[in-house]
Amino acid sequence: MSATARRRTKRSKGWVPDQHGAWVMVVVPALVGVGLAPAGVDIPLLITWWAGYFAFFAAGILVRSRFREINRPPVYVYGAITIAAGLICLAVNWRFLYWIPAFAPWVLIAIWELWKRRPRSLASGWSTVIAACLMTPLGAWAGGHDLDLRVWAVTAVLTAYFLGTVPYVKTLIRERGDARWLWFSVGFHVAVTLIAVAAAFSGVVSWLVPLVFCFTTLRAFTMPFSGQRRQRPWTPKTVGLIEGVVTVLVVIAALVQA
């Protein structure tokens, strides 16, 4: 074995998250939020959020490895960056503290599931989604945008979409072939679509939103069946790339005013 290969085998896996779908979830709501009201504080705010996610991912690797020394550096490095960037945010505006009660329950649930070695559970996935989507109103607020109906409507659309991706992805990979997960996923998507139709009728969102959710419901039903007919199941990378395109459609629909 070469020296380079030996170095690679000794390198912690916690430096770069390998969950392709999670990258989209962590990045998009935050960027939408800061895009609604750009401000200088967005830079340390985004660093705090993304470094915090990296630290959380690295902590998951550390826990699963039974706290091996080799997996500790990413947790220390990303944790330090998160704290430093967070302190900068507080120095700019101490009222960021007001948002702690909003994030705390979801972060604590995710940490608890991680400690119990259930990082792939529905509770872990949904709590992470809600925390990620709270970055939309937080980013808008940080830039001085009023937390009006439009901000919360955009947040709700993104949250509903990303919540649906958790059971949907399970039907393609880890729970492939499990009818219970399939019908739970499809049922959730149908419910979200009906709520979106009601919201469009009331003028809260544009009609693009229920249209896009009709599409996501269709893919939640058809993709698992197509995956079962393939010689090889859908890979996480392929699923993540497809969802990246779908996410663009969801964001456009969410931002178009009724």
Protein backbone atom coordinates (compact mmCIF):
# COMPACT_ATOMS: atom_id res chain seq x y z
CA MET A 1 0.00 0.00 0.00
CA SER A 2 1.32 3.46 -0.94
CA ALA A 3 1.87 6.24 1.56
CA THR A 4 -1.02 8.21 0.02
CA ALA A 5 -3.37 5.24 0.35
CA ARG A 6 -2.32 4.74 3.98
CA ARG A 7 -3.03 8.40 4.74
CA ARG A 8 -6.48 8.08 3.20
CA THR A 9 -7.32 5.05 5.28
CA LYS A 10 -6.32 6.92 8.44
CA ARG A 11 -8.36 10.02 7.60
CA SER A 12 -11.62 10.60 9.44
CA LYS A 13 -14.80 10.20 7.41
CA GLY A 14 -16.39 13.08 9.28
CA TRP A 15 -14.88 15.93 7.29
CA VAL A 16 -17.28 15.93 4.33
CA PRO A 17 -20.95 14.87 4.66
CA ASP A 18 -21.79 12.14 2.17
CA GLN A 19 -25.57 12.54 2.27
CA HIS A 20 -26.32 14.15 -1.09
CA GLY A 21 -29.96 14.93 -0.34
CA ALA A 22 -29.07 16.50 3.00
CA TRP A 23 -26.79 18.99 1.26
CA VAL A 24 -29.78 20.40 -0.62
CA MET A 25 -31.90 20.56 2.52
CA VAL A 26 -29.21 22.32 4.52
CA VAL A 27 -28.32 24.83 1.80
CA VAL A 28 -31.56 25.83 0.05
CA PRO A 29 -33.82 27.11 2.89
CA ALA A 30 -30.94 29.16 4.30
CA LEU A 31 -30.15 30.73 0.93
CA VAL A 32 -33.83 31.47 0.30
CA GLY A 33 -34.04 33.23 3.66
CA VAL A 34 -31.00 35.43 3.18
CA GLY A 35 -32.08 36.05 -0.41
CA LEU A 36 -35.31 37.63 0.82
CA ALA A 37 -33.31 40.30 2.69
CA PRO A 38 -29.55 40.26 2.03
CA ALA A 39 -27.35 41.73 4.78
CA GLY A 40 -23.75 41.63 5.97
CA VAL A 41 -24.63 39.45 8.96
CA ASP A 42 -25.66 36.71 6.52
CA ILE A 43 -22.02 35.63 6.15
CA PRO A 44 -21.42 34.65 9.80
CA LEU A 45 -25.01 33.40 10.01
CA LEU A 46 -24.55 30.97 7.12
CA ILE A 47 -21.15 29.90 8.46
CA THR A 48 -22.75 29.19 11.85
CA TRP A 49 -25.48 27.09 10.30
CA TRP A 50 -23.35 25.14 7.83
CA ALA A 51 -20.45 24.56 10.23
CA GLY A 52 -23.00 23.46 12.81
CA TYR A 53 -24.40 20.90 10.40
CA PHE A 54 -20.89 19.68 9.56
CA ALA A 55 -20.21 19.34 13.29
CA PHE A 56 -23.44 17.38 13.74
CA PHE A 57 -22.55 15.04 10.87
CA ALA A 58 -19.03 14.55 12.24
CA ALA A 59 -20.48 13.84 15.69
CA GLY A 60 -22.60 11.10 14.13
CA ILE A 61 -19.48 9.47 12.69
CA LEU A 62 -17.78 9.80 16.07
CA VAL A 63 -20.66 8.18 17.96
CA ARG A 64 -20.95 5.29 15.51
CA SER A 65 -17.20 4.68 15.72
CA ARG A 66 -17.46 4.47 19.53
CA PHE A 67 -15.55 7.73 19.93
CA ARG A 68 -12.37 6.67 18.14
CA GLU A 69 -9.61 9.27 18.35
CA ILE A 70 -9.30 9.52 14.56
CA ASN A 71 -12.89 10.80 14.26
CA ARG A 72 -12.60 13.57 16.85
CA PRO A 73 -10.79 16.35 14.90
CA PRO A 74 -13.73 17.19 12.58
CA VAL A 75 -16.02 17.61 15.59
CA TYR A 76 -13.53 19.93 17.30
CA VAL A 77 -12.80 21.98 14.18
CA TYR A 78 -16.39 22.43 13.00
CA GLY A 79 -17.58 22.94 16.56
CA ALA A 80 -15.05 25.74 17.08
CA ILE A 81 -16.04 27.40 13.80
CA THR A 82 -19.71 27.20 14.76
CA ILE A 83 -19.09 28.84 18.12
CA ALA A 84 -16.87 31.57 16.68
CA ALA A 85 -19.29 32.46 13.88
CA GLY A 86 -22.23 32.34 16.30
CA LEU A 87 -20.51 34.79 18.62
CA ILE A 88 -19.95 37.16 15.70
CA CYS A 89 -23.68 37.01 14.93
CA LEU A 90 -24.47 37.87 18.55
CA ALA A 91 -21.97 40.72 18.48
CA VAL A 92 -23.79 42.16 15.46
CA ASN A 93 -27.27 41.59 16.87
CA TRP A 94 -27.80 40.03 20.30
CA ARG A 95 -31.47 39.44 19.42
CA PHE A 96 -30.42 36.26 17.64
CA LEU A 97 -30.88 34.78 21.11
CA TYR A 98 -34.64 35.09 20.57
CA TRP A 99 -34.42 32.27 18.02
CA ILE A 100 -32.92 29.72 20.40
CA PRO A 101 -36.33 28.49 21.68
CA ALA A 102 -37.45 27.93 18.09
CA PHE A 103 -34.43 25.81 17.15
CA ALA A 104 -33.71 24.10 20.48
CA PRO A 105 -36.45 21.39 20.47
CA TRP A 106 -35.57 20.16 16.98
CA VAL A 107 -31.83 20.23 17.59
CA LEU A 108 -32.28 18.34 20.86
CA ILE A 109 -34.42 15.67 19.16
CA ALA A 110 -31.78 15.22 16.46
CA ILE A 111 -29.02 14.97 19.08
CA TRP A 112 -31.04 12.46 21.10
CA GLU A 113 -31.63 10.27 18.05
CA LEU A 114 -27.95 10.52 17.23
CA TRP A 115 -26.98 9.49 20.77
CA LYS A 116 -29.35 6.54 20.54
CA ARG A 117 -27.66 5.56 17.27
CA ARG A 118 -30.78 6.28 15.22
CA PRO A 119 -29.52 9.00 12.85
CA ARG A 120 -31.74 7.65 10.03
CA SER A 121 -34.98 7.58 12.03
CA LEU A 122 -38.05 9.54 10.95
CA ALA A 123 -37.81 11.67 14.11
CA SER A 124 -34.19 12.53 13.32
CA GLY A 125 -34.96 13.35 9.70
CA TRP A 126 -38.00 15.47 10.40
CA SER A 127 -36.41 17.38 13.27
CA THR A 128 -33.42 18.18 11.05
CA VAL A 129 -35.75 19.33 8.27
CA ILE A 130 -37.69 21.66 10.55
CA ALA A 131 -34.47 23.16 11.93
CA ALA A 132 -33.14 23.64 8.39
CA CYS A 133 -36.34 25.31 7.19
CA LEU A 134 -36.38 27.67 10.17
CA MET A 135 -33.34 29.22 8.51
CA THR A 136 -35.71 30.78 5.96
CA PRO A 137 -37.52 33.11 8.40
CA LEU A 138 -34.31 33.57 10.41
CA GLY A 139 -32.39 34.66 7.31
CA ALA A 140 -35.16 37.05 6.30
CA TRP A 141 -35.41 38.48 9.81
CA ALA A 142 -31.63 38.92 10.06
CA GLY A 143 -31.74 41.13 6.99
CA GLY A 144 -34.54 43.29 8.37
CA HIS A 145 -37.44 41.69 6.49
CA ASP A 146 -40.78 41.65 8.28
CA LEU A 147 -41.92 38.15 9.16
CA ASP A 148 -45.09 38.60 7.14
CA LEU A 149 -47.44 36.07 5.59
CA ARG A 150 -45.27 35.64 2.50
CA VAL A 151 -42.21 34.66 4.52
CA TRP A 152 -44.17 32.08 6.49
CA ALA A 153 -45.87 30.79 3.34
CA VAL A 154 -42.50 30.24 1.67
CA THR A 155 -41.24 28.55 4.83
CA ALA A 156 -44.29 26.29 4.97
CA VAL A 157 -43.90 25.22 1.33
CA LEU A 158 -40.22 24.38 1.77
CA THR A 159 -40.89 22.58 5.06
CA ALA A 160 -43.70 20.48 3.59
CA TYR A 161 -41.57 19.51 0.62
CA PHE A 162 -38.48 18.53 2.61
CA LEU A 163 -40.55 16.66 5.22
CA GLY A 164 -41.93 14.59 2.37
CA THR A 165 -38.49 13.74 1.05
CA VAL A 166 -37.62 11.86 4.26
CA PRO A 167 -40.11 8.97 3.87
CA TYR A 168 -39.87 9.19 0.08
CA VAL A 169 -36.12 8.58 0.03
CA LYS A 170 -36.58 5.69 2.45
CA THR A 171 -38.91 3.98 -0.05
CA LEU A 172 -36.12 4.08 -2.63
CA ILE A 173 -33.17 2.96 -0.51
CA ARG A 174 -33.32 1.73 3.08
CA GLU A 175 -37.01 0.73 3.12
CA ARG A 176 -37.17 -0.32 -0.51
CA GLY A 177 -40.05 -2.74 -1.03
CA ASP A 178 -41.73 -1.97 2.31
CA ALA A 179 -45.39 -1.25 1.50
CA ARG A 180 -45.98 0.53 4.82
CA TRP A 181 -43.35 3.17 4.08
CA LEU A 182 -44.58 3.52 0.51
CA TRP A 183 -48.16 4.26 1.51
CA PHE A 184 -47.07 6.50 4.34
CA SER A 185 -44.98 8.51 1.87
CA VAL A 186 -47.74 8.69 -0.73
CA GLY A 187 -50.35 9.55 1.89
CA PHE A 188 -48.22 12.36 3.26
CA HIS A 189 -47.72 13.79 -0.23
CA VAL A 190 -51.44 13.61 -1.00
CA ALA A 191 -52.27 15.43 2.25
CA VAL A 192 -49.71 18.15 1.51
CA THR A 193 -51.11 18.58 -2.00
CA LEU A 194 -54.66 19.00 -0.69
CA ILE A 195 -53.48 21.58 1.85
CA ALA A 196 -51.63 23.40 -0.96
CA VAL A 197 -54.83 23.49 -3.04
CA ALA A 198 -56.70 25.03 -0.11
CA ALA A 199 -53.91 27.57 0.39
CA ALA A 200 -54.00 28.49 -3.30
CA PHE A 201 -57.77 28.98 -3.17
CA SER A 202 -57.31 31.34 -0.21
CA GLY A 203 -54.57 33.28 -2.01
CA VAL A 204 -51.80 32.37 0.44
CA VAL A 205 -49.70 30.70 -2.27
CA SER A 206 -49.74 30.68 -6.05
CA TRP A 207 -51.30 27.83 -8.01
CA LEU A 208 -47.79 26.74 -8.95
CA VAL A 209 -47.43 25.28 -5.45
CA PRO A 210 -50.21 22.64 -5.67
CA LEU A 211 -49.12 21.95 -9.24
CA VAL A 212 -45.58 21.16 -8.09
CA PHE A 213 -46.86 19.11 -5.16
CA CYS A 214 -49.00 17.09 -7.58
CA PHE A 215 -45.77 16.27 -9.38
CA THR A 216 -43.96 15.33 -6.17
CA THR A 217 -46.88 13.07 -5.22
CA LEU A 218 -46.69 11.37 -8.61
CA ARG A 219 -42.96 10.77 -8.24
CA ALA A 220 -43.47 9.49 -4.67
CA PHE A 221 -45.74 6.80 -6.16
CA THR A 222 -43.93 5.93 -9.38
CA MET A 223 -40.25 6.09 -8.42
CA PRO A 224 -40.36 3.26 -5.85
CA PHE A 225 -42.11 0.98 -8.35
CA SER A 226 -39.60 1.80 -11.08
CA GLY A 227 -36.80 1.16 -8.60
CA GLN A 228 -38.13 -2.33 -7.89
CA ARG A 229 -38.16 -3.15 -11.59
CA ARG A 230 -34.58 -2.03 -12.13
CA GLN A 231 -31.74 -4.52 -11.93
CA ARG A 232 -30.10 -2.15 -9.48
CA PRO A 233 -31.98 0.09 -7.02
CA TRP A 234 -31.74 3.84 -7.27
CA THR A 235 -28.46 5.01 -5.76
CA PRO A 236 -28.39 7.75 -3.09
CA LYS A 237 -26.39 9.96 -5.44
CA THR A 238 -28.92 9.64 -8.25
CA VAL A 239 -31.85 10.25 -5.91
CA GLY A 240 -30.10 13.30 -4.48
CA LEU A 241 -29.39 14.77 -7.91
CA ILE A 242 -32.99 14.27 -9.03
CA GLU A 243 -34.26 15.92 -5.87
CA GLY A 244 -31.93 18.82 -6.52
CA VAL A 245 -33.86 19.55 -9.72
CA VAL A 246 -37.21 19.07 -7.99
CA THR A 247 -36.10 21.43 -5.24
CA VAL A 248 -35.49 24.19 -7.80
CA LEU A 249 -39.08 23.80 -9.01
CA VAL A 250 -40.39 23.92 -5.44
CA VAL A 251 -38.41 27.07 -4.63
CA ILE A 252 -39.65 28.83 -7.77
CA ALA A 253 -43.24 27.89 -6.94
CA ALA A 254 -42.83 29.04 -3.34
CA LEU A 255 -41.39 32.43 -4.28
CA VAL A 256 -43.99 33.29 -6.94
CA GLN A 257 -46.58 35.42 -5.20
CA ALA A 258 -50.26 34.52 -5.42
